[in-house]
Amino acid sequence: MECQRINSHLPDFLVSGLLWVWESLSVATCCRSLVIVYDNQFILQTGFANATSTNDWKTVPVDVHNLTRASLYQSVSKSRLQSYWANLSLYPRKSELPFLPSNTQAVILQPLGDK
């Protein structure tokens, strides 16, 4: 299911830039979902997302509180290095990313700046 959530406190120029990045990624790559969390703040969720369990045409939002405490997020934050899981279905901690579609095949976790 497609979604687009953007932090409402972001200035317009930043929203425009983020949407341009998303459009570029989705056209030039096989990327179908983008989630940005910076300094423990939700910034953006766009592209495909997991449907809610009630199947009411809504998508699962990013729960920043749970995500930032999850081991996937913590390991990338501490190492400051990109992590790539090419076959997410084999990874037991896939449950830490419930907002991604259930058929997500691969994930890249990329730290941004020093936050």
N, C-alpha and C. Protein backbone atom coordinates (compact mmCIF):
# COMPACT_ATOMS: atom_id res chain seq x y z
N MET A 1 0.84 -1.16 0.00
CA MET A 1 0.00 0.00 0.00
C MET A 1 0.89 1.24 0.00
N GLU A 2 0.54 2.22 -0.78
CA GLU A 2 1.36 3.43 -0.84
C GLU A 2 0.99 4.40 0.27
N CYS A 3 2.01 5.13 0.72
CA CYS A 3 1.78 6.14 1.74
C CYS A 3 2.76 7.29 1.55
N GLN A 4 2.44 8.40 2.16
CA GLN A 4 3.39 9.51 2.22
C GLN A 4 3.11 10.29 3.49
N ARG A 5 4.01 10.15 4.43
CA ARG A 5 3.93 10.89 5.69
C ARG A 5 5.18 11.75 5.80
N ILE A 6 4.97 13.01 6.14
CA ILE A 6 6.08 13.94 6.26
C ILE A 6 5.89 14.72 7.56
N ASN A 7 6.97 14.88 8.30
CA ASN A 7 6.92 15.66 9.53
C ASN A 7 6.37 17.06 9.20
N SER A 8 5.30 17.43 9.85
CA SER A 8 4.61 18.69 9.54
C SER A 8 5.40 19.93 9.98
N HIS A 9 6.45 19.74 10.76
CA HIS A 9 7.24 20.87 11.24
C HIS A 9 8.43 21.20 10.34
N LEU A 10 8.58 20.48 9.25
CA LEU A 10 9.69 20.73 8.34
C LEU A 10 9.38 21.93 7.44
N PRO A 11 10.41 22.75 7.16
CA PRO A 11 10.18 23.88 6.24
C PRO A 11 9.92 23.38 4.82
N ASP A 12 9.20 24.17 4.05
CA ASP A 12 8.80 23.78 2.69
C ASP A 12 9.99 23.41 1.81
N PHE A 13 11.10 24.16 1.91
CA PHE A 13 12.25 23.86 1.05
C PHE A 13 12.83 22.49 1.36
N LEU A 14 12.78 22.08 2.62
CA LEU A 14 13.28 20.75 2.99
C LEU A 14 12.33 19.65 2.50
N VAL A 15 11.04 19.88 2.62
CA VAL A 15 10.05 18.92 2.12
C VAL A 15 10.23 18.74 0.61
N SER A 16 10.39 19.84 -0.11
CA SER A 16 10.60 19.76 -1.57
C SER A 16 11.86 18.96 -1.89
N GLY A 17 12.92 19.19 -1.15
CA GLY A 17 14.17 18.45 -1.37
C GLY A 17 14.02 16.97 -1.08
N LEU A 18 13.34 16.64 -0.01
CA LEU A 18 13.13 15.23 0.34
C LEU A 18 12.27 14.52 -0.70
N LEU A 19 11.25 15.20 -1.18
CA LEU A 19 10.39 14.60 -2.21
C LEU A 19 11.15 14.42 -3.52
N TRP A 20 12.06 15.35 -3.83
CA TRP A 20 12.90 15.20 -5.02
C TRP A 20 13.81 13.99 -4.86
N VAL A 21 14.40 13.82 -3.67
CA VAL A 21 15.26 12.65 -3.41
C VAL A 21 14.44 11.37 -3.61
N TRP A 22 13.24 11.34 -3.06
CA TRP A 22 12.40 10.14 -3.20
C TRP A 22 12.08 9.87 -4.66
N GLU A 23 11.69 10.90 -5.39
CA GLU A 23 11.35 10.70 -6.80
C GLU A 23 12.58 10.17 -7.56
N SER A 24 13.73 10.72 -7.31
CA SER A 24 14.96 10.28 -7.97
C SER A 24 15.28 8.83 -7.64
N LEU A 25 15.20 8.47 -6.36
CA LEU A 25 15.46 7.09 -5.94
C LEU A 25 14.48 6.11 -6.56
N SER A 26 13.22 6.45 -6.55
CA SER A 26 12.21 5.51 -7.03
C SER A 26 12.24 5.34 -8.54
N VAL A 27 12.70 6.36 -9.26
CA VAL A 27 12.80 6.26 -10.72
C VAL A 27 14.09 5.56 -11.13
N ALA A 28 15.19 5.86 -10.47
CA ALA A 28 16.51 5.38 -10.90
C ALA A 28 16.92 4.04 -10.29
N THR A 29 16.21 3.58 -9.27
CA THR A 29 16.58 2.33 -8.60
C THR A 29 15.33 1.47 -8.39
N CYS A 30 15.52 0.34 -7.77
CA CYS A 30 14.37 -0.51 -7.43
C CYS A 30 13.84 -0.19 -6.03
N CYS A 31 14.27 0.91 -5.45
CA CYS A 31 13.80 1.34 -4.12
C CYS A 31 12.31 1.65 -4.20
N ARG A 32 11.55 1.06 -3.28
CA ARG A 32 10.10 1.27 -3.27
C ARG A 32 9.58 1.84 -1.95
N SER A 33 10.46 1.98 -0.96
CA SER A 33 10.08 2.56 0.33
C SER A 33 11.25 3.38 0.85
N LEU A 34 10.95 4.49 1.48
CA LEU A 34 11.98 5.32 2.09
C LEU A 34 11.46 5.81 3.43
N VAL A 35 12.26 5.59 4.45
CA VAL A 35 11.95 6.07 5.80
C VAL A 35 13.16 6.84 6.29
N ILE A 36 12.93 8.04 6.79
CA ILE A 36 14.03 8.84 7.34
C ILE A 36 13.69 9.20 8.78
N VAL A 37 14.61 8.82 9.67
CA VAL A 37 14.56 9.20 11.08
C VAL A 37 15.89 9.87 11.36
N TYR A 38 15.85 11.09 11.90
CA TYR A 38 17.08 11.82 12.16
C TYR A 38 17.02 12.42 13.56
N ASP A 39 18.06 12.19 14.33
CA ASP A 39 18.14 12.72 15.70
C ASP A 39 16.91 12.29 16.52
N ASN A 40 16.54 11.02 16.35
CA ASN A 40 15.39 10.42 17.05
C ASN A 40 14.06 11.11 16.72
N GLN A 41 13.99 11.75 15.57
CA GLN A 41 12.77 12.43 15.12
C GLN A 41 12.31 11.82 13.80
N PHE A 42 11.02 11.61 13.67
CA PHE A 42 10.46 11.16 12.41
C PHE A 42 10.56 12.29 11.39
N ILE A 43 11.06 11.97 10.20
CA ILE A 43 11.17 12.96 9.13
C ILE A 43 10.23 12.60 7.97
N LEU A 44 10.33 11.35 7.49
CA LEU A 44 9.61 10.99 6.27
C LEU A 44 9.35 9.50 6.20
N GLN A 45 8.18 9.14 5.69
CA GLN A 45 7.85 7.77 5.31
C GLN A 45 7.09 7.88 4.00
N THR A 46 7.65 7.31 2.93
CA THR A 46 7.00 7.42 1.63
C THR A 46 7.22 6.15 0.81
N GLY A 47 6.41 5.99 -0.20
CA GLY A 47 6.47 4.78 -1.02
C GLY A 47 5.54 3.73 -0.46
N PHE A 48 5.95 2.48 -0.57
CA PHE A 48 5.10 1.39 -0.08
C PHE A 48 5.33 1.15 1.40
N ALA A 49 4.25 0.84 2.10
CA ALA A 49 4.29 0.55 3.53
C ALA A 49 3.37 -0.63 3.81
N ASN A 50 3.56 -1.23 4.94
CA ASN A 50 2.73 -2.36 5.36
C ASN A 50 1.33 -1.85 5.72
N ALA A 51 0.32 -2.61 5.35
CA ALA A 51 -1.05 -2.27 5.71
C ALA A 51 -1.28 -2.60 7.18
N THR A 52 -2.16 -1.85 7.82
CA THR A 52 -2.50 -2.13 9.21
C THR A 52 -3.21 -3.48 9.30
N SER A 53 -3.18 -4.07 10.47
CA SER A 53 -3.79 -5.40 10.64
C SER A 53 -5.31 -5.36 10.48
N THR A 54 -5.91 -4.19 10.63
CA THR A 54 -7.35 -4.07 10.47
C THR A 54 -7.74 -3.96 8.99
N ASN A 55 -6.71 -3.82 8.13
CA ASN A 55 -6.92 -3.75 6.68
C ASN A 55 -7.96 -2.70 6.31
N ASP A 56 -7.85 -1.52 6.93
CA ASP A 56 -8.79 -0.43 6.69
C ASP A 56 -8.22 0.62 5.72
N TRP A 57 -7.39 0.18 4.81
CA TRP A 57 -6.75 1.04 3.81
C TRP A 57 -5.81 2.04 4.43
N LYS A 58 -5.30 1.72 5.61
CA LYS A 58 -4.30 2.57 6.26
C LYS A 58 -3.00 1.80 6.34
N THR A 59 -1.91 2.54 6.45
CA THR A 59 -0.60 1.91 6.52
C THR A 59 -0.01 2.05 7.92
N VAL A 60 0.92 1.16 8.23
CA VAL A 60 1.57 1.16 9.55
C VAL A 60 2.55 2.33 9.60
N PRO A 61 2.37 3.24 10.53
CA PRO A 61 3.31 4.36 10.64
C PRO A 61 4.61 3.91 11.33
N VAL A 62 5.65 4.68 11.12
CA VAL A 62 6.92 4.42 11.79
C VAL A 62 6.77 4.82 13.25
N ASP A 63 7.04 3.88 14.14
CA ASP A 63 7.03 4.15 15.57
C ASP A 63 8.48 4.45 15.96
N VAL A 64 8.83 5.72 15.99
CA VAL A 64 10.22 6.13 16.22
C VAL A 64 10.72 5.63 17.57
N HIS A 65 9.88 5.67 18.56
CA HIS A 65 10.27 5.22 19.90
C HIS A 65 10.76 3.77 19.86
N ASN A 66 9.98 2.89 19.25
CA ASN A 66 10.37 1.48 19.15
C ASN A 66 11.53 1.27 18.19
N LEU A 67 11.51 1.97 17.06
CA LEU A 67 12.58 1.80 16.07
C LEU A 67 13.94 2.18 16.64
N THR A 68 14.02 3.30 17.31
CA THR A 68 15.32 3.76 17.81
C THR A 68 15.85 2.92 18.96
N ARG A 69 15.02 2.10 19.54
CA ARG A 69 15.46 1.19 20.60
C ARG A 69 15.75 -0.22 20.08
N ALA A 70 15.39 -0.46 18.84
CA ALA A 70 15.59 -1.78 18.23
C ALA A 70 17.07 -2.02 17.94
N SER A 71 17.45 -3.28 17.96
CA SER A 71 18.87 -3.64 17.78
C SER A 71 19.40 -3.26 16.40
N LEU A 72 18.57 -3.34 15.35
CA LEU A 72 19.01 -2.93 14.01
C LEU A 72 19.45 -1.47 14.01
N TYR A 73 18.60 -0.63 14.52
CA TYR A 73 18.87 0.81 14.56
C TYR A 73 20.07 1.10 15.45
N GLN A 74 20.10 0.47 16.60
CA GLN A 74 21.20 0.70 17.55
C GLN A 74 22.56 0.31 16.95
N SER A 75 22.61 -0.82 16.25
CA SER A 75 23.89 -1.26 15.69
C SER A 75 24.39 -0.30 14.62
N VAL A 76 23.50 0.21 13.78
CA VAL A 76 23.90 1.18 12.76
C VAL A 76 24.30 2.50 13.40
N SER A 77 23.56 2.92 14.41
CA SER A 77 23.88 4.17 15.10
C SER A 77 25.25 4.13 15.76
N LYS A 78 25.57 3.01 16.38
CA LYS A 78 26.86 2.89 17.06
C LYS A 78 28.02 2.74 16.09
N SER A 79 27.83 1.97 15.03
CA SER A 79 28.93 1.72 14.09
C SER A 79 29.14 2.89 13.13
N ARG A 80 28.09 3.70 12.90
CA ARG A 80 28.13 4.80 11.93
C ARG A 80 28.40 4.29 10.51
N LEU A 81 28.09 3.01 10.28
CA LEU A 81 28.32 2.39 8.97
C LEU A 81 27.00 1.90 8.39
N GLN A 82 26.92 1.95 7.07
CA GLN A 82 25.75 1.44 6.38
C GLN A 82 25.63 -0.07 6.58
N SER A 83 24.41 -0.55 6.72
CA SER A 83 24.16 -1.99 6.80
C SER A 83 23.19 -2.37 5.69
N TYR A 84 23.48 -3.49 5.05
CA TYR A 84 22.65 -3.96 3.94
C TYR A 84 22.28 -5.40 4.19
N TRP A 85 20.97 -5.69 4.14
CA TRP A 85 20.48 -7.06 4.26
C TRP A 85 19.82 -7.40 2.93
N ALA A 86 20.49 -8.25 2.16
CA ALA A 86 20.03 -8.59 0.81
C ALA A 86 18.84 -9.53 0.81
N ASN A 87 18.68 -10.31 1.87
CA ASN A 87 17.57 -11.25 1.93
C ASN A 87 16.91 -11.11 3.30
N LEU A 88 16.08 -10.10 3.42
CA LEU A 88 15.49 -9.75 4.71
C LEU A 88 14.65 -10.88 5.30
N SER A 89 14.08 -11.72 4.46
CA SER A 89 13.22 -12.80 4.96
C SER A 89 14.00 -13.78 5.83
N LEU A 90 15.31 -13.85 5.67
CA LEU A 90 16.13 -14.76 6.48
C LEU A 90 16.61 -14.12 7.78
N TYR A 91 16.33 -12.84 7.94
CA TYR A 91 16.84 -12.11 9.09
C TYR A 91 15.79 -12.12 10.21
N PRO A 92 16.13 -12.67 11.37
CA PRO A 92 15.13 -12.81 12.43
C PRO A 92 14.60 -11.48 13.00
N ARG A 93 15.32 -10.40 12.82
CA ARG A 93 14.87 -9.13 13.39
C ARG A 93 14.06 -8.29 12.40
N LYS A 94 13.56 -8.91 11.38
CA LYS A 94 12.70 -8.21 10.42
C LYS A 94 11.50 -7.59 11.15
N SER A 95 11.10 -8.20 12.24
CA SER A 95 9.96 -7.70 13.02
C SER A 95 10.21 -6.31 13.59
N GLU A 96 11.47 -5.87 13.61
CA GLU A 96 11.79 -4.53 14.09
C GLU A 96 11.42 -3.45 13.07
N LEU A 97 11.01 -3.88 11.89
CA LEU A 97 10.64 -2.96 10.81
C LEU A 97 9.21 -3.23 10.35
N PRO A 98 8.22 -3.18 11.25
CA PRO A 98 6.85 -3.57 10.90
C PRO A 98 6.17 -2.64 9.91
N PHE A 99 6.72 -1.48 9.69
CA PHE A 99 6.14 -0.51 8.76
C PHE A 99 6.47 -0.82 7.31
N LEU A 100 7.46 -1.70 7.08
CA LEU A 100 7.80 -2.08 5.70
C LEU A 100 6.84 -3.16 5.21
N PRO A 101 6.57 -3.18 3.91
CA PRO A 101 5.69 -4.23 3.38
C PRO A 101 6.22 -5.62 3.72
N SER A 102 5.33 -6.56 3.93
CA SER A 102 5.74 -7.91 4.33
C SER A 102 6.58 -8.60 3.28
N ASN A 103 6.48 -8.19 2.02
CA ASN A 103 7.27 -8.82 0.97
C ASN A 103 8.57 -8.07 0.67
N THR A 104 9.01 -7.21 1.57
CA THR A 104 10.26 -6.48 1.39
C THR A 104 11.41 -7.47 1.32
N GLN A 105 12.20 -7.36 0.26
CA GLN A 105 13.28 -8.32 0.04
C GLN A 105 14.60 -7.88 0.64
N ALA A 106 14.91 -6.59 0.57
CA ALA A 106 16.20 -6.10 1.03
C ALA A 106 16.03 -4.75 1.71
N VAL A 107 16.98 -4.44 2.59
CA VAL A 107 16.94 -3.18 3.34
C VAL A 107 18.35 -2.62 3.43
N ILE A 108 18.45 -1.31 3.26
CA ILE A 108 19.70 -0.61 3.53
C ILE A 108 19.41 0.34 4.68
N LEU A 109 20.21 0.25 5.72
CA LEU A 109 20.15 1.18 6.84
C LEU A 109 21.37 2.07 6.73
N GLN A 110 21.13 3.37 6.56
CA GLN A 110 22.21 4.33 6.31
C GLN A 110 22.17 5.43 7.37
N PRO A 111 23.23 5.54 8.19
CA PRO A 111 23.26 6.65 9.14
C PRO A 111 23.38 7.99 8.40
N LEU A 112 22.75 9.02 8.96
CA LEU A 112 22.81 10.36 8.35
C LEU A 112 23.55 11.29 9.30
N GLY A 113 24.62 11.87 8.83
CA GLY A 113 25.37 12.81 9.65
C GLY A 113 25.85 12.19 10.94
N ASP A 114 25.86 12.98 11.98
CA ASP A 114 26.33 12.49 13.28
C ASP A 114 25.19 12.24 14.25
N LYS A 115 23.98 12.18 13.74
CA LYS A 115 22.81 11.99 14.60
C LYS A 115 22.22 10.63 14.35
